[in-house]
Amino acid sequence: MCHYKYTNGKVFITLLMIMMTSCSVLEKPDFTADNSLYRELDTSDTVNMAEVPWREMFTDTYLQNIIERAINNNPDVQTAMARMQKAAAAFRQSGAELFPSLNTGISAAYQSKNEGFGLPESYQVYGSTSWEADIWGKYRSSKRAARAALIASEAFRRAVITDLVSSVASNYYTLLALDKQLSITEQTLDRRIRNVEVMEVMKQNDVITGADLVLSQANRYSAEVTIPDLKQRIYETENTLSLLMGENPGNIERGSFDDQDLSPELKTGIPAQLLSNRPDVIEAEFRLRSFYEMTKVARRNFYPSLNITGRTGYTETGLSALFNNPVFFWNITGTILQPVFNYGLNRQRFISAKADFFESQAAFRKTLLNAGAEVANSFHAYRAASDKITLRNSQIGYLEKAVEYTNELLRYTSNTSYIDVLTSEVNLLSAQLAGVNDRLQQLQSVVDLYRSLGGGWR
């Protein structure tokens, strides 16, 4: 921080020294994304799935309809649109500061005479203009800051849409997965009810014991008791989707979990593309640009300003004469103003502007790092889910055989008990439900990767 010394009688030198006051120049922000941002992922290919429009990404017509209704009606999107309109107005207002202001008016004055002196009446019709020359670029910086804020507000709107599309797709797949789990559970329940009927016959024929019969009955209810919870989750997920669409809670028309095909070629592109694709990164970048320009505005408040004012119109001492035989007048004034006594106030404003800049710089870096971590996590989650699906299918296949074999052994031999049947059936149902969750994780990881790369707003 520089300081100036006021020298009596040397106003010009004082002005020059104050112009150089207290203004350490901030370095222009550096916007880069390191290639290691995605950890070990291959970043040599610039093909990026984020550039795929959401209609091409999500081909389920029911899901497309829900997404479209959400974009049109969601309150958060409407709020983001209003914020963007506000930023656009501020940008247009900042451009007006570069041009002169123009005012018109009518004035009238009346005073009593003092010993025959003075004018009892005075009337004027006039126009005035004033203009501050943007010598130091203060208003140009202000306009650039407003433009950056406008772009940031548009990026915020896109970020809201990106998150909205992701939330709708994720909840939609959750809803379909719950439907699938409910169907599996109900089918299992049907089998267990029939199994109880068979066990009752076997008990009457003394093939099994009473203990085996009551275990089969308990096994039936262990499946049935999970159905209310699944239905409650389905009900709540439908309400969540209704809320995302900005509509009253209601039934959601939907497709089938088994018909979902969301396995595109996963292309992350290079990390630098986050700066042009991911809306929250774009927003953070242009917020930083805006604060950078505002520090320049605050710094230039220390500099002298050149104001030019002009006034012209007609004047007369009588109201009737003002319109019949007026006297024309005009004047132009140029003034150089130096904010000497506002030094302390301007200094605090500059310190505050720098603090905003440094805060937004840290926020941008955090947003970029978070984006990179989300890309890596989503990609790894897809791989993990895919591996689990392969292993789970093998597990389910063997458990289905185990259920079949133990039931056969129970009916035709005395080498097994219902405990073995019960164990195999419980394990099978658990594996089948987990298999649905594996597929759901795979679908949602694709959605998360699409969102983390910045897809969804196109």
Protein backbone atom coordinates (compact mmCIF):
# COMPACT_ATOMS: atom_id res chain seq x y z
CA MET A 1 0.00 0.00 0.00
CA CYS A 2 1.46 3.32 -1.09
CA HIS A 3 0.94 6.58 0.82
CA TYR A 4 0.95 10.22 -0.28
CA LYS A 5 2.09 13.39 1.47
CA TYR A 6 0.14 16.58 1.01
CA THR A 7 2.39 19.56 0.14
CA ASN A 8 0.98 23.03 0.85
CA GLY A 9 0.54 25.09 -2.30
CA LYS A 10 1.40 22.27 -4.68
CA VAL A 11 -2.05 21.07 -5.63
CA PHE A 12 -1.02 19.61 -8.96
CA ILE A 13 1.69 17.44 -7.40
CA THR A 14 -0.79 16.38 -4.74
CA LEU A 15 -3.26 15.29 -7.39
CA LEU A 16 -0.63 13.23 -9.20
CA MET A 17 0.46 11.57 -5.98
CA ILE A 18 -3.10 10.74 -5.00
CA MET A 19 -3.65 9.21 -8.45
CA MET A 20 -0.94 6.70 -7.57
CA THR A 21 -2.43 6.02 -4.13
CA SER A 22 -3.06 2.75 -2.36
CA CYS A 23 -3.60 0.55 -5.36
CA SER A 24 -1.67 -2.64 -5.59
CA VAL A 25 -2.67 -4.13 -8.93
CA LEU A 26 -4.24 -7.58 -8.74
CA GLU A 27 -3.07 -10.21 -11.16
CA LYS A 28 -5.61 -11.25 -13.75
CA PRO A 29 -7.18 -14.60 -12.79
CA ASP A 30 -5.81 -17.73 -14.41
CA PHE A 31 -8.47 -20.17 -15.57
CA THR A 32 -6.91 -23.56 -16.13
CA ALA A 33 -7.91 -27.18 -15.52
CA ASP A 34 -5.03 -29.58 -14.99
CA ASN A 35 -5.15 -32.90 -16.88
CA SER A 36 -4.80 -34.77 -13.58
CA LEU A 37 -8.14 -33.35 -12.41
CA TYR A 38 -9.86 -36.63 -13.33
CA ARG A 39 -7.30 -38.70 -11.43
CA GLU A 40 -6.33 -41.78 -13.48
CA LEU A 41 -8.95 -41.39 -16.23
CA ASP A 42 -7.72 -41.14 -19.82
CA THR A 43 -8.09 -37.51 -20.91
CA SER A 44 -6.53 -37.70 -24.36
CA ASP A 45 -9.90 -37.81 -26.21
CA THR A 46 -11.85 -34.56 -26.59
CA VAL A 47 -15.16 -36.34 -27.31
CA ASN A 48 -17.45 -35.43 -24.42
CA MET A 49 -20.82 -36.94 -23.54
CA ALA A 50 -21.84 -33.64 -21.91
CA GLU A 51 -22.40 -32.22 -25.39
CA VAL A 52 -25.20 -34.74 -26.03
CA PRO A 53 -28.64 -33.06 -25.63
CA TRP A 54 -30.76 -34.54 -22.86
CA ARG A 55 -33.40 -35.77 -25.30
CA GLU A 56 -30.79 -37.94 -26.99
CA MET A 57 -29.33 -39.03 -23.67
CA PHE A 58 -32.64 -40.14 -22.16
CA THR A 59 -34.69 -41.98 -24.78
CA ASP A 60 -37.53 -43.14 -22.50
CA THR A 61 -40.52 -41.10 -23.71
CA TYR A 62 -42.09 -41.04 -20.23
CA LEU A 63 -38.88 -39.61 -18.78
CA GLN A 64 -38.60 -37.07 -21.61
CA ASN A 65 -42.10 -35.83 -20.82
CA ILE A 66 -41.32 -35.46 -17.11
CA ILE A 67 -38.07 -33.59 -17.81
CA GLU A 68 -39.79 -31.18 -20.20
CA ARG A 69 -42.56 -30.43 -17.71
CA ALA A 70 -39.97 -29.91 -14.97
CA ILE A 71 -37.95 -27.43 -17.05
CA ASN A 72 -41.11 -25.47 -17.91
CA ASN A 73 -42.66 -25.39 -14.43
CA ASN A 74 -39.99 -25.90 -11.78
CA PRO A 75 -39.89 -22.91 -9.37
CA ASP A 76 -36.08 -22.97 -9.13
CA VAL A 77 -35.79 -22.54 -12.91
CA GLN A 78 -38.23 -19.64 -12.80
CA THR A 79 -36.22 -18.05 -10.00
CA ALA A 80 -33.01 -18.45 -12.01
CA MET A 81 -34.70 -16.84 -15.02
CA ALA A 82 -35.76 -13.86 -12.91
CA ARG A 83 -32.21 -13.51 -11.59
CA MET A 84 -30.88 -13.50 -15.15
CA GLN A 85 -33.34 -10.78 -16.17
CA LYS A 86 -32.19 -8.71 -13.21
CA ALA A 87 -28.53 -9.13 -14.26
CA ALA A 88 -29.43 -8.15 -17.84
CA ALA A 89 -31.03 -4.95 -16.57
CA ALA A 90 -27.93 -4.18 -14.51
CA PHE A 91 -25.75 -4.71 -17.58
CA ARG A 92 -27.83 -2.31 -19.67
CA GLN A 93 -27.72 0.20 -16.83
CA SER A 94 -23.92 -0.02 -16.64
CA GLY A 95 -23.68 0.89 -20.33
CA ALA A 96 -25.73 4.03 -19.75
CA GLU A 97 -23.05 5.39 -17.41
CA LEU A 98 -20.76 5.97 -20.40
CA PHE A 99 -23.17 8.49 -21.95
CA PRO A 100 -24.20 11.98 -20.84
CA SER A 101 -27.32 12.44 -18.77
CA LEU A 102 -30.03 14.82 -20.00
CA ASN A 103 -32.61 16.59 -17.84
CA THR A 104 -35.30 19.17 -18.54
CA GLY A 105 -37.20 21.36 -16.14
CA ILE A 106 -39.17 24.49 -15.37
CA SER A 107 -38.32 26.76 -12.47
CA ALA A 108 -39.99 29.77 -10.96
CA ALA A 109 -38.82 32.09 -8.18
CA TYR A 110 -40.48 34.99 -6.37
CA GLN A 111 -38.97 37.43 -3.89
CA SER A 112 -40.04 40.73 -2.36
CA LYS A 113 -38.25 43.92 -3.34
CA ASN A 114 -35.78 45.40 -0.88
CA GLU A 115 -35.78 49.22 -1.26
CA GLY A 116 -36.46 48.93 -4.96
CA PHE A 117 -33.79 46.38 -5.67
CA GLY A 118 -34.15 42.75 -6.79
CA LEU A 119 -36.37 40.95 -9.23
CA PRO A 120 -39.76 40.07 -7.85
CA GLU A 121 -40.24 37.25 -10.37
CA SER A 122 -37.97 34.91 -12.37
CA TYR A 123 -39.00 32.07 -14.71
CA GLN A 124 -36.92 29.56 -16.65
CA VAL A 125 -37.44 26.71 -19.08
CA TYR A 126 -34.18 24.83 -19.38
CA GLY A 127 -32.37 21.67 -20.30
CA SER A 128 -29.18 20.43 -18.64
CA THR A 129 -26.67 17.70 -19.33
CA SER A 130 -23.72 16.29 -17.45
CA TRP A 131 -21.02 13.83 -18.38
CA GLU A 132 -18.08 12.34 -16.52
CA ALA A 133 -15.23 11.50 -18.86
CA ASP A 134 -14.17 7.89 -18.32
CA ILE A 135 -10.48 8.77 -18.34
CA TRP A 136 -9.32 5.89 -16.16
CA GLY A 137 -11.75 3.27 -17.49
CA LYS A 138 -13.81 3.06 -14.30
CA TYR A 139 -17.14 2.83 -16.11
CA ARG A 140 -15.73 0.49 -18.72
CA SER A 141 -14.60 -1.83 -15.93
CA SER A 142 -18.01 -1.49 -14.33
CA LYS A 143 -19.63 -2.51 -17.61
CA ARG A 144 -17.30 -5.51 -17.97
CA ALA A 145 -18.14 -6.52 -14.41
CA ALA A 146 -21.86 -6.29 -15.15
CA ARG A 147 -21.40 -8.32 -18.34
CA ALA A 148 -19.53 -11.02 -16.41
CA ALA A 149 -22.31 -11.05 -13.80
CA LEU A 150 -24.87 -11.45 -16.58
CA ILE A 151 -23.01 -14.44 -18.04
CA ALA A 152 -22.69 -15.88 -14.53
CA SER A 153 -26.45 -15.55 -14.02
CA GLU A 154 -27.08 -17.36 -17.31
CA ALA A 155 -24.66 -20.08 -16.20
CA PHE A 156 -26.55 -20.30 -12.92
CA ARG A 157 -29.78 -20.87 -14.86
CA ARG A 158 -28.07 -23.63 -16.82
CA ALA A 159 -26.73 -25.14 -13.60
CA VAL A 160 -30.25 -25.24 -12.17
CA ILE A 161 -31.48 -27.02 -15.32
CA THR A 162 -28.55 -29.45 -15.25
CA ASP A 163 -29.24 -30.37 -11.62
CA LEU A 164 -32.96 -30.55 -12.33
CA VAL A 165 -32.56 -32.93 -15.27
CA SER A 166 -30.22 -35.08 -13.18
CA SER A 167 -32.61 -35.14 -10.21
CA VAL A 168 -35.59 -36.03 -12.41
CA ALA A 169 -33.71 -38.86 -14.16
CA SER A 170 -32.28 -40.20 -10.90
CA ASN A 171 -35.66 -40.21 -9.15
CA TYR A 172 -37.33 -41.71 -12.21
CA TYR A 173 -34.91 -44.63 -12.26
CA THR A 174 -35.36 -45.01 -8.50
CA LEU A 175 -39.11 -45.21 -9.04
CA LEU A 176 -38.70 -47.90 -11.71
CA ALA A 177 -36.30 -49.83 -9.48
CA LEU A 178 -38.82 -49.76 -6.63
CA ASP A 179 -41.48 -51.04 -9.04
CA LYS A 180 -39.14 -53.86 -9.98
CA GLN A 181 -38.37 -54.73 -6.35
CA LEU A 182 -42.08 -54.69 -5.53
CA SER A 183 -42.77 -57.03 -8.43
CA ILE A 184 -40.00 -59.42 -7.33
CA THR A 185 -41.27 -59.39 -3.75
CA GLU A 186 -44.87 -60.01 -4.81
CA GLN A 187 -43.81 -62.89 -7.04
CA THR A 188 -41.77 -64.31 -4.18
CA LEU A 189 -44.77 -63.94 -1.89
CA ASP A 190 -46.95 -65.84 -4.36
CA ARG A 191 -44.43 -68.69 -4.46
CA ARG A 192 -44.19 -68.80 -0.69
CA ILE A 193 -47.98 -68.88 -0.29
CA ARG A 194 -48.11 -71.84 -2.66
CA ASN A 195 -45.20 -73.38 -0.78
CA VAL A 196 -47.11 -73.12 2.52
CA GLU A 197 -50.02 -74.94 0.90
CA VAL A 198 -47.68 -77.71 -0.22
CA MET A 199 -46.09 -77.86 3.22
CA GLU A 200 -49.52 -78.26 4.85
CA VAL A 201 -50.19 -81.28 2.66
CA MET A 202 -46.77 -82.70 3.43
CA LYS A 203 -47.41 -82.21 7.16
CA GLN A 204 -50.70 -84.10 6.89
CA ASN A 205 -48.80 -86.95 5.27
CA ASP A 206 -46.11 -86.82 7.99
CA VAL A 207 -43.41 -85.98 5.46
CA ILE A 208 -42.34 -82.89 7.44
CA THR A 209 -42.65 -81.80 11.03
CA GLY A 210 -44.82 -79.11 12.53
CA ALA A 211 -41.71 -76.99 13.00
CA ASP A 212 -41.06 -77.05 9.26
CA LEU A 213 -44.64 -75.94 8.59
CA VAL A 214 -44.54 -72.94 10.91
CA LEU A 215 -41.16 -71.93 9.48
CA SER A 216 -42.68 -71.90 6.00
CA GLN A 217 -45.55 -69.76 7.27
CA ALA A 218 -43.12 -67.33 8.92
CA ASN A 219 -41.10 -67.28 5.69
CA ARG A 220 -44.24 -66.21 3.82
CA TYR A 221 -44.80 -63.23 6.14
CA SER A 222 -41.15 -62.20 6.10
CA ALA A 223 -41.61 -61.39 2.40
CA GLU A 224 -45.06 -59.85 2.77
CA VAL A 225 -44.00 -57.46 5.54
CA THR A 226 -41.58 -55.64 3.20
CA ILE A 227 -44.31 -54.75 0.69
CA PRO A 228 -45.83 -51.77 2.64
CA ASP A 229 -42.40 -50.14 2.91
CA LEU A 230 -41.81 -50.52 -0.84
CA LYS A 231 -45.22 -49.02 -1.61
CA GLN A 232 -44.51 -46.11 0.75
CA ARG A 233 -41.20 -45.39 -1.00
CA ILE A 234 -42.93 -45.54 -4.38
CA TYR A 235 -45.56 -43.09 -3.12
CA GLU A 236 -42.91 -40.67 -1.82
CA THR A 237 -40.80 -40.89 -5.00
CA GLU A 238 -43.85 -40.06 -7.12
CA ASN A 239 -44.43 -37.00 -4.94
CA THR A 240 -40.79 -35.98 -5.33
CA LEU A 241 -41.08 -36.11 -9.11
CA SER A 242 -44.32 -34.10 -8.95
CA LEU A 243 -42.54 -31.48 -6.87
CA LEU A 244 -39.67 -31.31 -9.38
CA MET A 245 -42.26 -30.71 -12.11
CA GLY A 246 -43.79 -27.89 -10.07
CA GLU A 247 -47.09 -29.77 -9.88
CA ASN A 248 -49.38 -31.13 -7.21
CA PRO A 249 -48.53 -34.62 -5.93
CA GLY A 250 -49.96 -37.36 -8.11
CA ASN A 251 -49.43 -40.58 -9.98
CA ILE A 252 -46.47 -40.71 -12.37
CA GLU A 253 -46.84 -42.45 -15.71
CA ARG A 254 -43.71 -44.47 -16.36
CA GLY A 255 -42.08 -47.29 -18.24
CA SER A 256 -40.41 -50.52 -17.12
CA PHE A 257 -37.12 -50.92 -15.31
CA ASP A 258 -36.06 -53.76 -17.60
CA ASP A 259 -36.58 -51.61 -20.70
CA GLN A 260 -34.11 -48.91 -19.67
CA ASP A 261 -31.12 -48.67 -21.98
CA LEU A 262 -28.69 -46.08 -20.67
CA SER A 263 -25.29 -47.44 -21.55
CA PRO A 264 -23.70 -44.89 -23.90
CA GLU A 265 -20.03 -44.77 -24.61
CA LEU A 266 -18.74 -42.96 -21.55
CA LYS A 267 -16.57 -40.12 -22.81
CA THR A 268 -15.33 -37.56 -20.30
CA GLY A 269 -13.30 -35.42 -22.68
CA ILE A 270 -10.50 -33.32 -21.22
CA PRO A 271 -10.73 -31.38 -17.94
CA ALA A 272 -10.41 -28.05 -19.74
CA GLN A 273 -13.84 -28.66 -21.27
CA LEU A 274 -15.39 -28.19 -17.84
CA LEU A 275 -14.74 -24.47 -18.33
CA SER A 276 -17.15 -24.42 -21.27
CA ASN A 277 -19.58 -27.23 -20.41
CA ARG A 278 -20.22 -27.32 -16.68
CA PRO A 279 -22.51 -24.42 -15.70
CA ASP A 280 -21.44 -24.04 -12.05
CA VAL A 281 -17.79 -23.84 -13.13
CA ILE A 282 -18.72 -21.22 -15.74
CA GLU A 283 -20.70 -19.32 -13.13
CA ALA A 284 -17.79 -19.35 -10.65
CA GLU A 285 -15.39 -18.24 -13.38
CA PHE A 286 -17.47 -15.23 -14.40
CA ARG A 287 -18.23 -14.30 -10.80
CA LEU A 288 -14.48 -14.13 -10.38
CA ARG A 289 -14.14 -12.01 -13.53
CA SER A 290 -16.83 -9.67 -12.24
CA PHE A 291 -15.12 -9.18 -8.87
CA TYR A 292 -11.79 -8.64 -10.63
CA GLU A 293 -13.32 -5.77 -12.62
CA MET A 294 -14.97 -4.36 -9.50
CA THR A 295 -11.57 -4.16 -7.77
CA LYS A 296 -10.43 -2.04 -10.71
CA VAL A 297 -13.47 0.19 -10.26
CA ALA A 298 -12.72 0.56 -6.53
CA ARG A 299 -9.07 1.36 -7.27
CA ARG A 300 -9.99 4.09 -9.73
CA ASN A 301 -12.13 5.86 -7.15
CA PHE A 302 -8.82 7.32 -5.90
CA TYR A 303 -8.22 9.07 -9.23
CA PRO A 304 -9.48 12.57 -10.12
CA SER A 305 -12.62 12.79 -12.25
CA LEU A 306 -13.43 15.20 -15.07
CA ASN A 307 -17.05 16.34 -15.12
CA ILE A 308 -18.53 18.44 -17.92
CA THR A 309 -21.91 20.05 -17.38
CA GLY A 310 -24.01 22.20 -19.68
CA ARG A 311 -27.21 24.17 -19.25
CA THR A 312 -29.34 26.03 -21.74
CA GLY A 313 -32.84 27.45 -21.97
CA TYR A 314 -34.99 30.55 -21.79
CA THR A 315 -35.45 33.00 -18.93
CA GLU A 316 -37.71 35.97 -18.29
CA THR A 317 -39.03 38.06 -15.42
CA GLY A 318 -42.64 37.55 -16.41
CA LEU A 319 -44.51 34.32 -17.01
CA SER A 320 -46.30 35.65 -20.12
CA ALA A 321 -43.06 37.02 -21.56
CA LEU A 322 -41.38 33.63 -21.09
CA PHE A 323 -43.41 32.27 -24.01
CA ASN A 324 -43.65 35.47 -26.09
CA ASN A 325 -40.24 37.11 -25.91
CA PRO A 326 -37.84 34.94 -23.84
CA VAL A 327 -34.15 35.54 -23.30
CA PHE A 328 -31.92 32.64 -24.36
CA PHE A 329 -29.06 31.58 -22.05
CA TRP A 330 -26.45 28.81 -21.95
CA ASN A 331 -23.32 27.81 -20.07
CA ILE A 332 -20.76 24.99 -20.13
CA THR A 333 -18.63 24.07 -17.13
CA GLY A 334 -15.75 21.66 -16.78
CA THR A 335 -14.68 20.50 -13.34
CA ILE A 336 -11.84 18.31 -12.13
CA LEU A 337 -12.65 16.72 -8.79
CA GLN A 338 -10.21 14.88 -6.60
CA PRO A 339 -11.59 12.79 -3.71
CA VAL A 340 -9.11 14.02 -1.09
CA PHE A 341 -11.28 13.75 1.99
CA ASN A 342 -12.85 10.45 0.88
CA TYR A 343 -9.52 8.68 0.96
CA GLY A 344 -10.37 6.57 4.03
CA LEU A 345 -13.77 5.57 2.64
CA ASN A 346 -12.35 4.69 -0.78
CA ARG A 347 -9.54 2.72 0.82
CA GLN A 348 -12.01 0.57 2.76
CA ARG A 349 -14.06 0.06 -0.39
CA PHE A 350 -10.95 -1.10 -2.20
CA ILE A 351 -10.02 -3.51 0.61
CA SER A 352 -13.57 -4.90 0.57
CA ALA A 353 -13.47 -5.34 -3.22
CA LYS A 354 -10.14 -7.20 -2.96
CA ALA A 355 -11.59 -9.47 -0.29
CA ASP A 356 -14.53 -10.28 -2.57
CA PHE A 357 -12.06 -11.07 -5.35
CA PHE A 358 -9.95 -13.41 -3.22
CA GLU A 359 -13.09 -15.11 -1.88
CA SER A 360 -14.43 -15.70 -5.40
CA GLN A 361 -11.00 -16.93 -6.49
CA ALA A 362 -11.07 -19.59 -3.77
CA ALA A 363 -14.68 -20.44 -4.64
CA PHE A 364 -13.77 -20.95 -8.29
CA ARG A 365 -10.88 -23.23 -7.40
CA LYS A 366 -13.09 -25.24 -5.04
CA THR A 367 -15.83 -25.57 -7.67
CA LEU A 368 -13.33 -26.80 -10.26
CA LEU A 369 -11.78 -29.34 -7.89
CA ASN A 370 -15.21 -30.54 -6.84
CA ALA A 371 -16.21 -30.99 -10.47
CA GLY A 372 -13.13 -33.07 -11.18
CA ALA A 373 -13.76 -35.28 -8.16
CA GLU A 374 -17.40 -35.81 -9.17
CA VAL A 375 -16.37 -36.89 -12.67
CA ALA A 376 -13.85 -39.40 -11.32
CA ASN A 377 -16.26 -40.71 -8.68
CA SER A 378 -19.14 -41.15 -11.13
CA PHE A 379 -16.98 -42.94 -13.68
CA HIS A 380 -15.59 -45.27 -11.02
CA ALA A 381 -19.10 -45.91 -9.65
CA TYR A 382 -20.23 -47.01 -13.12
CA ARG A 383 -17.35 -49.46 -13.36
CA ALA A 384 -18.03 -50.80 -9.87
CA ALA A 385 -21.74 -51.25 -10.62
CA SER A 386 -20.96 -53.04 -13.88
CA ASP A 387 -18.60 -55.43 -12.09
CA LYS A 388 -21.21 -56.09 -9.41
CA ILE A 389 -23.91 -56.84 -11.99
CA THR A 390 -21.73 -59.54 -13.57
CA LEU A 391 -20.98 -61.14 -10.20
CA ARG A 392 -24.56 -60.74 -8.96
CA ASN A 393 -25.98 -62.54 -11.99
CA SER A 394 -23.75 -65.51 -11.20
CA GLN A 395 -24.82 -65.43 -7.55
CA ILE A 396 -28.53 -65.32 -8.46
CA GLY A 397 -28.11 -68.20 -10.88
CA TYR A 398 -26.58 -70.46 -8.24
CA LEU A 399 -29.13 -69.41 -5.59
CA GLU A 400 -32.01 -70.26 -7.92
CA LYS A 401 -30.53 -73.73 -8.30
CA ALA A 402 -30.06 -73.97 -4.53
CA VAL A 403 -33.75 -73.17 -3.94
CA GLU A 404 -34.76 -75.76 -6.52
CA TYR A 405 -32.47 -78.46 -5.16
CA THR A 406 -33.35 -77.95 -1.48
CA ASN A 407 -37.08 -78.04 -2.24
CA GLU A 408 -36.63 -81.30 -4.17
CA LEU A 409 -34.57 -82.80 -1.38
CA LEU A 410 -37.17 -81.79 1.20
CA ARG A 411 -39.96 -83.47 -0.76
CA TYR A 412 -38.32 -86.72 -1.74
CA THR A 413 -35.56 -87.42 0.79
CA SER A 414 -34.91 -87.10 4.48
CA ASN A 415 -31.43 -85.65 3.97
CA THR A 416 -32.49 -82.03 4.40
CA SER A 417 -34.78 -79.84 6.53
CA TYR A 418 -36.83 -76.74 5.85
CA ILE A 419 -34.06 -74.66 7.40
CA ASP A 420 -32.04 -75.31 4.24
CA VAL A 421 -34.97 -74.29 2.04
CA LEU A 422 -35.59 -71.19 4.12
CA THR A 423 -31.94 -70.14 3.96
CA SER A 424 -31.73 -70.54 0.20
CA GLU A 425 -35.01 -68.66 -0.42
CA VAL A 426 -34.06 -65.75 1.84
CA ASN A 427 -30.66 -65.49 0.17
CA LEU A 428 -32.25 -65.58 -3.29
CA LEU A 429 -34.70 -62.77 -2.55
CA SER A 430 -31.95 -60.69 -1.00
CA ALA A 431 -29.72 -61.21 -4.04
CA GLN A 432 -32.53 -60.38 -6.48
CA LEU A 433 -33.31 -57.11 -4.69
CA ALA A 434 -29.61 -56.29 -4.52
CA GLY A 435 -29.35 -56.99 -8.25
CA VAL A 436 -31.97 -54.32 -8.89
CA ASN A 437 -29.95 -51.92 -6.75
CA ASP A 438 -26.81 -52.76 -8.75
CA ARG A 439 -28.55 -51.89 -11.99
CA LEU A 440 -29.98 -48.74 -10.41
CA GLN A 441 -26.48 -47.73 -9.29
CA GLN A 442 -25.25 -48.22 -12.84
CA LEU A 443 -28.03 -46.06 -14.27
CA GLN A 444 -27.58 -43.34 -11.69
CA SER A 445 -23.81 -43.30 -12.12
CA VAL A 446 -24.31 -42.53 -15.82
CA VAL A 447 -26.72 -39.74 -14.86
CA ASP A 448 -24.21 -38.41 -12.31
CA LEU A 449 -21.37 -38.54 -14.84
CA TYR A 450 -23.50 -36.74 -17.41
CA ARG A 451 -24.31 -34.03 -14.86
CA SER A 452 -20.78 -33.75 -13.47
CA LEU A 453 -19.42 -33.16 -16.98
CA GLY A 454 -21.97 -30.37 -17.50
CA GLY A 455 -24.59 -32.22 -19.55
CA GLY A 456 -28.31 -31.62 -19.37
CA TRP A 457 -28.81 -27.92 -20.13
CA ARG A 458 -28.64 -28.29 -23.90
